[in-house]
Amino acid sequence: MPQLNPTPWFMILAFSWLIFLAIIPPKVLSHTFTNEPDSLSTQKTKPEPWNWPWY
């Protein structure tokens, strides 16, 4: 039964982990966001009260 021979499956496992751990993360981390978040101002704004009619 060929599936009991671990030699080819171990190499497939080793190469797939090599791809997942060495090649894919730099490619994913090299992407940049199109809209960078602006820095928030340090001045706090006063919240406006809600003037809802409470009927």
Protein backbone atom coordinates (compact mmCIF):
# COMPACT_ATOMS: atom_id res chain seq x y z
CA MET A 1 0.00 0.00 0.00
CA PRO A 2 1.80 3.17 -1.15
CA GLN A 3 0.13 5.53 1.32
CA LEU A 4 2.03 3.85 4.16
CA ASN A 5 5.37 4.94 2.66
CA PRO A 6 6.12 8.26 4.45
CA THR A 7 8.92 9.38 2.14
CA PRO A 8 6.99 11.35 -0.52
CA TRP A 9 4.39 12.64 1.93
CA PHE A 10 7.00 13.99 4.32
CA MET A 11 8.63 16.00 1.53
CA ILE A 12 5.24 17.36 0.48
CA LEU A 13 4.57 18.34 4.09
CA ALA A 14 8.00 19.93 4.47
CA PHE A 15 7.73 21.94 1.24
CA SER A 16 4.20 23.09 1.99
CA TRP A 17 5.30 24.36 5.43
CA LEU A 18 8.26 26.05 3.79
CA ILE A 19 5.90 27.86 1.45
CA PHE A 20 3.45 28.77 4.21
CA LEU A 21 6.11 30.04 6.62
CA ALA A 22 8.72 31.60 4.34
CA ILE A 23 7.11 32.78 1.12
CA ILE A 24 3.52 33.74 1.85
CA PRO A 25 3.91 36.00 4.98
CA PRO A 26 6.23 38.56 3.32
CA LYS A 27 3.87 38.75 0.35
CA VAL A 28 0.87 39.34 2.59
CA LEU A 29 2.68 41.85 4.81
CA SER A 30 3.92 43.86 1.83
CA HIS A 31 0.42 45.01 0.96
CA THR A 32 -0.37 48.58 1.94
CA PHE A 33 -3.69 50.08 2.82
CA THR A 34 -5.05 52.64 0.41
CA ASN A 35 -6.38 54.98 3.07
CA GLU A 36 -4.05 55.49 5.99
CA PRO A 37 -5.79 56.57 9.19
CA ASP A 38 -5.25 60.16 10.21
CA SER A 39 -3.82 60.94 13.59
CA LEU A 40 -6.51 61.91 16.05
CA SER A 41 -6.41 65.34 17.60
CA THR A 42 -5.60 65.54 21.29
CA GLN A 43 -8.31 68.14 21.95
CA LYS A 44 -11.48 66.54 23.27
CA THR A 45 -14.76 67.77 21.90
CA LYS A 46 -17.67 68.44 24.20
CA PRO A 47 -20.50 65.98 23.52
CA GLU A 48 -23.74 67.50 22.39
CA PRO A 49 -26.79 66.66 24.52
CA TRP A 50 -29.58 64.68 22.97
CA ASN A 51 -32.75 66.70 22.92
CA TRP A 52 -35.25 64.00 22.11
CA PRO A 53 -38.87 64.45 23.06
CA TRP A 54 -39.59 61.89 25.78
CA TYR A 55 -43.33 61.42 25.38
